[in-house]
Amino acid sequence: MILIMQIKSLLFSFIYGIFFSFTFFINKKLLLSKNKILRIIISILFILDHTLIYFILIKIINNSILHIYMFPMFILGILFYVYYFTPNKNIKLTIKKK
């Protein structure tokens, strides 16, 4: 894969991780509701929609070439959003010292 295409893909995965985390926090009330049937349906639709959007955009960016480094960048995007943009600072990931 060409270097510029790899950089675009990795940057896109990072930004999409931020977008995924943002939409999760917006839909948190529906995704974690008490009604099990509603929670299952909403969760399936949420994951299915995000998967389809991700793969359609990857097809546009680099002709559907996936690389193993794209998934850690996606996770780093999620962690970046959680650490810097969550309104509740108690959600932050902390490392406990012994």
N, C-alpha and C. Protein backbone atom coordinates (compact mmCIF):
# COMPACT_ATOMS: atom_id res chain seq x y z
N MET A 1 0.85 -1.17 0.00
CA MET A 1 0.00 0.00 0.00
C MET A 1 0.90 1.24 0.00
N ILE A 2 0.51 2.24 -0.72
CA ILE A 2 1.26 3.49 -0.81
C ILE A 2 1.21 4.20 0.55
N LEU A 3 2.32 4.86 0.89
CA LEU A 3 2.45 5.48 2.21
C LEU A 3 1.37 6.52 2.46
N ILE A 4 1.07 7.36 1.50
CA ILE A 4 0.06 8.41 1.70
C ILE A 4 -1.32 7.78 1.93
N MET A 5 -1.59 6.65 1.28
CA MET A 5 -2.85 5.96 1.47
C MET A 5 -2.92 5.34 2.88
N GLN A 6 -1.78 4.85 3.38
CA GLN A 6 -1.74 4.32 4.74
C GLN A 6 -1.98 5.42 5.77
N ILE A 7 -1.37 6.56 5.55
CA ILE A 7 -1.55 7.68 6.48
C ILE A 7 -3.00 8.14 6.49
N LYS A 8 -3.60 8.23 5.30
CA LYS A 8 -5.02 8.61 5.23
C LYS A 8 -5.90 7.60 5.96
N SER A 9 -5.61 6.32 5.78
CA SER A 9 -6.41 5.26 6.41
C SER A 9 -6.26 5.29 7.92
N LEU A 10 -5.04 5.47 8.41
CA LEU A 10 -4.83 5.51 9.86
C LEU A 10 -5.47 6.75 10.48
N LEU A 11 -5.34 7.88 9.82
CA LEU A 11 -5.97 9.10 10.32
C LEU A 11 -7.49 8.97 10.31
N PHE A 12 -8.02 8.37 9.25
CA PHE A 12 -9.46 8.16 9.19
C PHE A 12 -9.92 7.24 10.31
N SER A 13 -9.18 6.16 10.58
CA SER A 13 -9.56 5.23 11.65
C SER A 13 -9.56 5.93 13.00
N PHE A 14 -8.57 6.79 13.24
CA PHE A 14 -8.51 7.53 14.49
C PHE A 14 -9.71 8.46 14.62
N ILE A 15 -10.00 9.21 13.57
CA ILE A 15 -11.14 10.14 13.60
C ILE A 15 -12.46 9.39 13.71
N TYR A 16 -12.56 8.24 13.05
CA TYR A 16 -13.80 7.47 13.14
C TYR A 16 -13.97 6.88 14.55
N GLY A 17 -12.88 6.56 15.22
CA GLY A 17 -12.96 6.12 16.61
C GLY A 17 -13.53 7.21 17.50
N ILE A 18 -13.12 8.46 17.25
CA ILE A 18 -13.66 9.59 18.00
C ILE A 18 -15.15 9.75 17.70
N PHE A 19 -15.53 9.64 16.42
CA PHE A 19 -16.93 9.75 16.03
C PHE A 19 -17.77 8.63 16.64
N PHE A 20 -17.25 7.40 16.65
CA PHE A 20 -17.96 6.27 17.23
C PHE A 20 -18.21 6.49 18.72
N SER A 21 -17.19 6.93 19.42
CA SER A 21 -17.34 7.17 20.85
C SER A 21 -18.32 8.31 21.12
N PHE A 22 -18.28 9.35 20.29
CA PHE A 22 -19.21 10.47 20.42
C PHE A 22 -20.65 10.01 20.24
N THR A 23 -20.91 9.21 19.21
CA THR A 23 -22.28 8.74 18.99
C THR A 23 -22.72 7.75 20.06
N PHE A 24 -21.77 6.99 20.62
CA PHE A 24 -22.13 6.10 21.71
C PHE A 24 -22.59 6.89 22.92
N PHE A 25 -21.87 7.95 23.27
CA PHE A 25 -22.26 8.74 24.44
C PHE A 25 -23.56 9.50 24.20
N ILE A 26 -23.86 9.85 22.96
CA ILE A 26 -25.14 10.48 22.67
C ILE A 26 -26.28 9.48 22.84
N ASN A 27 -26.09 8.25 22.37
CA ASN A 27 -27.13 7.22 22.42
C ASN A 27 -27.02 6.32 23.64
N LYS A 28 -26.29 6.74 24.64
CA LYS A 28 -26.04 5.90 25.81
C LYS A 28 -27.33 5.51 26.53
N LYS A 29 -28.29 6.43 26.58
CA LYS A 29 -29.54 6.14 27.28
C LYS A 29 -30.30 5.01 26.59
N LEU A 30 -30.32 5.00 25.25
CA LEU A 30 -31.00 3.94 24.53
C LEU A 30 -30.23 2.62 24.55
N LEU A 31 -28.92 2.71 24.42
CA LEU A 31 -28.09 1.50 24.37
C LEU A 31 -28.03 0.77 25.70
N LEU A 32 -28.23 1.48 26.78
CA LEU A 32 -28.17 0.88 28.11
C LEU A 32 -29.50 0.95 28.84
N SER A 33 -30.59 0.86 28.10
CA SER A 33 -31.92 0.96 28.69
C SER A 33 -32.27 -0.30 29.48
N LYS A 34 -33.34 -0.22 30.26
CA LYS A 34 -33.78 -1.35 31.09
C LYS A 34 -34.50 -2.41 30.27
N ASN A 35 -35.17 -2.00 29.20
CA ASN A 35 -35.91 -2.93 28.36
C ASN A 35 -34.92 -3.76 27.52
N LYS A 36 -34.89 -5.07 27.75
CA LYS A 36 -33.90 -5.92 27.08
C LYS A 36 -34.11 -6.00 25.58
N ILE A 37 -35.34 -6.09 25.15
CA ILE A 37 -35.62 -6.21 23.71
C ILE A 37 -35.21 -4.93 22.99
N LEU A 38 -35.56 -3.78 23.54
CA LEU A 38 -35.16 -2.50 22.96
C LEU A 38 -33.64 -2.37 22.93
N ARG A 39 -32.99 -2.78 24.02
CA ARG A 39 -31.54 -2.69 24.10
C ARG A 39 -30.86 -3.57 23.04
N ILE A 40 -31.38 -4.77 22.82
CA ILE A 40 -30.82 -5.67 21.81
C ILE A 40 -30.99 -5.09 20.41
N ILE A 41 -32.18 -4.60 20.11
CA ILE A 41 -32.45 -4.05 18.78
C ILE A 41 -31.60 -2.81 18.51
N ILE A 42 -31.57 -1.90 19.47
CA ILE A 42 -30.79 -0.67 19.30
C ILE A 42 -29.30 -0.98 19.18
N SER A 43 -28.80 -1.94 19.96
CA SER A 43 -27.38 -2.29 19.90
C SER A 43 -27.02 -2.90 18.55
N ILE A 44 -27.86 -3.79 18.03
CA ILE A 44 -27.61 -4.40 16.73
C ILE A 44 -27.61 -3.34 15.63
N LEU A 45 -28.60 -2.45 15.66
CA LEU A 45 -28.66 -1.40 14.65
C LEU A 45 -27.48 -0.43 14.76
N PHE A 46 -27.09 -0.11 15.97
CA PHE A 46 -25.97 0.80 16.19
C PHE A 46 -24.68 0.23 15.62
N ILE A 47 -24.38 -1.01 15.95
CA ILE A 47 -23.14 -1.65 15.47
C ILE A 47 -23.20 -1.87 13.97
N LEU A 48 -24.35 -2.31 13.45
CA LEU A 48 -24.49 -2.55 12.02
C LEU A 48 -24.32 -1.26 11.22
N ASP A 49 -24.93 -0.19 11.68
CA ASP A 49 -24.80 1.10 10.99
C ASP A 49 -23.35 1.60 10.99
N HIS A 50 -22.71 1.52 12.13
CA HIS A 50 -21.33 2.00 12.20
C HIS A 50 -20.38 1.14 11.38
N THR A 51 -20.61 -0.15 11.36
CA THR A 51 -19.77 -1.03 10.55
C THR A 51 -19.93 -0.73 9.07
N LEU A 52 -21.16 -0.57 8.62
CA LEU A 52 -21.40 -0.26 7.21
C LEU A 52 -20.82 1.10 6.82
N ILE A 53 -21.00 2.10 7.67
CA ILE A 53 -20.45 3.42 7.37
C ILE A 53 -18.93 3.36 7.30
N TYR A 54 -18.31 2.64 8.25
CA TYR A 54 -16.85 2.54 8.27
C TYR A 54 -16.33 1.88 6.99
N PHE A 55 -16.92 0.76 6.60
CA PHE A 55 -16.43 0.06 5.42
C PHE A 55 -16.74 0.79 4.11
N ILE A 56 -17.84 1.50 4.05
CA ILE A 56 -18.12 2.31 2.86
C ILE A 56 -17.10 3.44 2.73
N LEU A 57 -16.78 4.09 3.83
CA LEU A 57 -15.80 5.17 3.78
C LEU A 57 -14.39 4.65 3.52
N ILE A 58 -14.06 3.46 4.05
CA ILE A 58 -12.76 2.86 3.75
C ILE A 58 -12.67 2.51 2.27
N LYS A 59 -13.77 2.08 1.69
CA LYS A 59 -13.77 1.78 0.26
C LYS A 59 -13.50 3.05 -0.55
N ILE A 60 -14.07 4.16 -0.14
CA ILE A 60 -13.85 5.42 -0.84
C ILE A 60 -12.41 5.90 -0.65
N ILE A 61 -11.87 5.76 0.55
CA ILE A 61 -10.53 6.29 0.85
C ILE A 61 -9.43 5.46 0.19
N ASN A 62 -9.47 4.13 0.36
CA ASN A 62 -8.35 3.34 -0.13
C ASN A 62 -8.76 2.02 -0.79
N ASN A 63 -9.87 2.00 -1.46
CA ASN A 63 -10.31 0.83 -2.23
C ASN A 63 -10.44 -0.43 -1.39
N SER A 64 -10.98 -0.32 -0.21
CA SER A 64 -11.32 -1.45 0.68
C SER A 64 -10.12 -2.25 1.16
N ILE A 65 -8.99 -1.62 1.32
CA ILE A 65 -7.82 -2.33 1.84
C ILE A 65 -7.76 -2.09 3.35
N LEU A 66 -7.88 -3.18 4.10
CA LEU A 66 -7.79 -3.09 5.55
C LEU A 66 -6.39 -3.48 5.98
N HIS A 67 -5.92 -2.84 7.02
CA HIS A 67 -4.60 -3.15 7.56
C HIS A 67 -4.75 -3.34 9.06
N ILE A 68 -3.90 -4.16 9.63
CA ILE A 68 -3.99 -4.48 11.05
C ILE A 68 -3.82 -3.24 11.93
N TYR A 69 -3.09 -2.24 11.47
CA TYR A 69 -2.86 -1.04 12.27
C TYR A 69 -4.07 -0.11 12.33
N MET A 70 -5.06 -0.35 11.51
CA MET A 70 -6.23 0.52 11.51
C MET A 70 -7.09 0.30 12.76
N PHE A 71 -7.11 -0.92 13.27
CA PHE A 71 -7.94 -1.22 14.43
C PHE A 71 -7.38 -0.62 15.73
N PRO A 72 -6.05 -0.69 15.97
CA PRO A 72 -5.55 0.03 17.15
C PRO A 72 -5.74 1.54 17.06
N MET A 73 -5.67 2.10 15.86
CA MET A 73 -5.92 3.54 15.72
C MET A 73 -7.38 3.87 16.04
N PHE A 74 -8.29 2.98 15.66
CA PHE A 74 -9.71 3.15 16.00
C PHE A 74 -9.87 3.16 17.52
N ILE A 75 -9.23 2.21 18.19
CA ILE A 75 -9.32 2.13 19.65
C ILE A 75 -8.66 3.35 20.30
N LEU A 76 -7.55 3.81 19.75
CA LEU A 76 -6.93 5.03 20.27
C LEU A 76 -7.83 6.25 20.10
N GLY A 77 -8.60 6.29 19.01
CA GLY A 77 -9.56 7.37 18.83
C GLY A 77 -10.63 7.35 19.89
N ILE A 78 -11.11 6.16 20.22
CA ILE A 78 -12.11 6.02 21.28
C ILE A 78 -11.53 6.48 22.62
N LEU A 79 -10.33 6.01 22.94
CA LEU A 79 -9.70 6.39 24.21
C LEU A 79 -9.40 7.89 24.27
N PHE A 80 -9.01 8.46 23.14
CA PHE A 80 -8.78 9.90 23.08
C PHE A 80 -10.05 10.67 23.41
N TYR A 81 -11.18 10.26 22.83
CA TYR A 81 -12.45 10.93 23.11
C TYR A 81 -12.83 10.77 24.59
N VAL A 82 -12.70 9.56 25.10
CA VAL A 82 -13.07 9.31 26.50
C VAL A 82 -12.21 10.14 27.44
N TYR A 83 -10.93 10.22 27.15
CA TYR A 83 -10.03 10.93 28.05
C TYR A 83 -10.20 12.45 27.98
N TYR A 84 -10.39 13.00 26.79
CA TYR A 84 -10.41 14.45 26.65
C TYR A 84 -11.79 15.09 26.56
N PHE A 85 -12.80 14.37 26.10
CA PHE A 85 -14.06 15.02 25.80
C PHE A 85 -15.27 14.54 26.60
N THR A 86 -15.11 13.56 27.47
CA THR A 86 -16.28 13.12 28.23
C THR A 86 -16.61 14.16 29.30
N PRO A 87 -17.90 14.45 29.45
CA PRO A 87 -18.30 15.45 30.44
C PRO A 87 -18.10 14.96 31.87
N ASN A 88 -18.23 13.66 32.10
CA ASN A 88 -18.06 13.11 33.43
C ASN A 88 -16.61 12.66 33.58
N LYS A 89 -15.84 13.34 34.37
CA LYS A 89 -14.41 13.06 34.49
C LYS A 89 -14.15 11.78 35.28
N ASN A 90 -15.18 11.17 35.90
CA ASN A 90 -14.99 9.92 36.62
C ASN A 90 -14.88 8.73 35.66
N ILE A 91 -15.20 8.92 34.39
CA ILE A 91 -15.15 7.84 33.41
C ILE A 91 -13.72 7.61 32.96
N LYS A 92 -12.84 8.56 33.15
CA LYS A 92 -11.46 8.45 32.67
C LYS A 92 -10.83 7.14 33.13
N LEU A 93 -9.99 6.61 32.28
CA LEU A 93 -9.27 5.39 32.61
C LEU A 93 -8.10 5.77 33.51
N THR A 94 -7.98 5.07 34.62
CA THR A 94 -6.89 5.36 35.54
C THR A 94 -6.10 4.09 35.77
N ILE A 95 -4.84 4.26 36.03
CA ILE A 95 -3.96 3.14 36.36
C ILE A 95 -3.76 3.20 37.87
N LYS A 96 -4.13 2.12 38.53
CA LYS A 96 -4.00 2.07 39.99
C LYS A 96 -2.58 1.65 40.34
N LYS A 97 -1.98 2.42 41.23
CA LYS A 97 -0.64 2.09 41.69
C LYS A 97 -0.73 1.20 42.93
N LYS A 98 0.17 0.25 43.00
CA LYS A 98 0.16 -0.67 44.15
C LYS A 98 1.02 -0.13 45.26
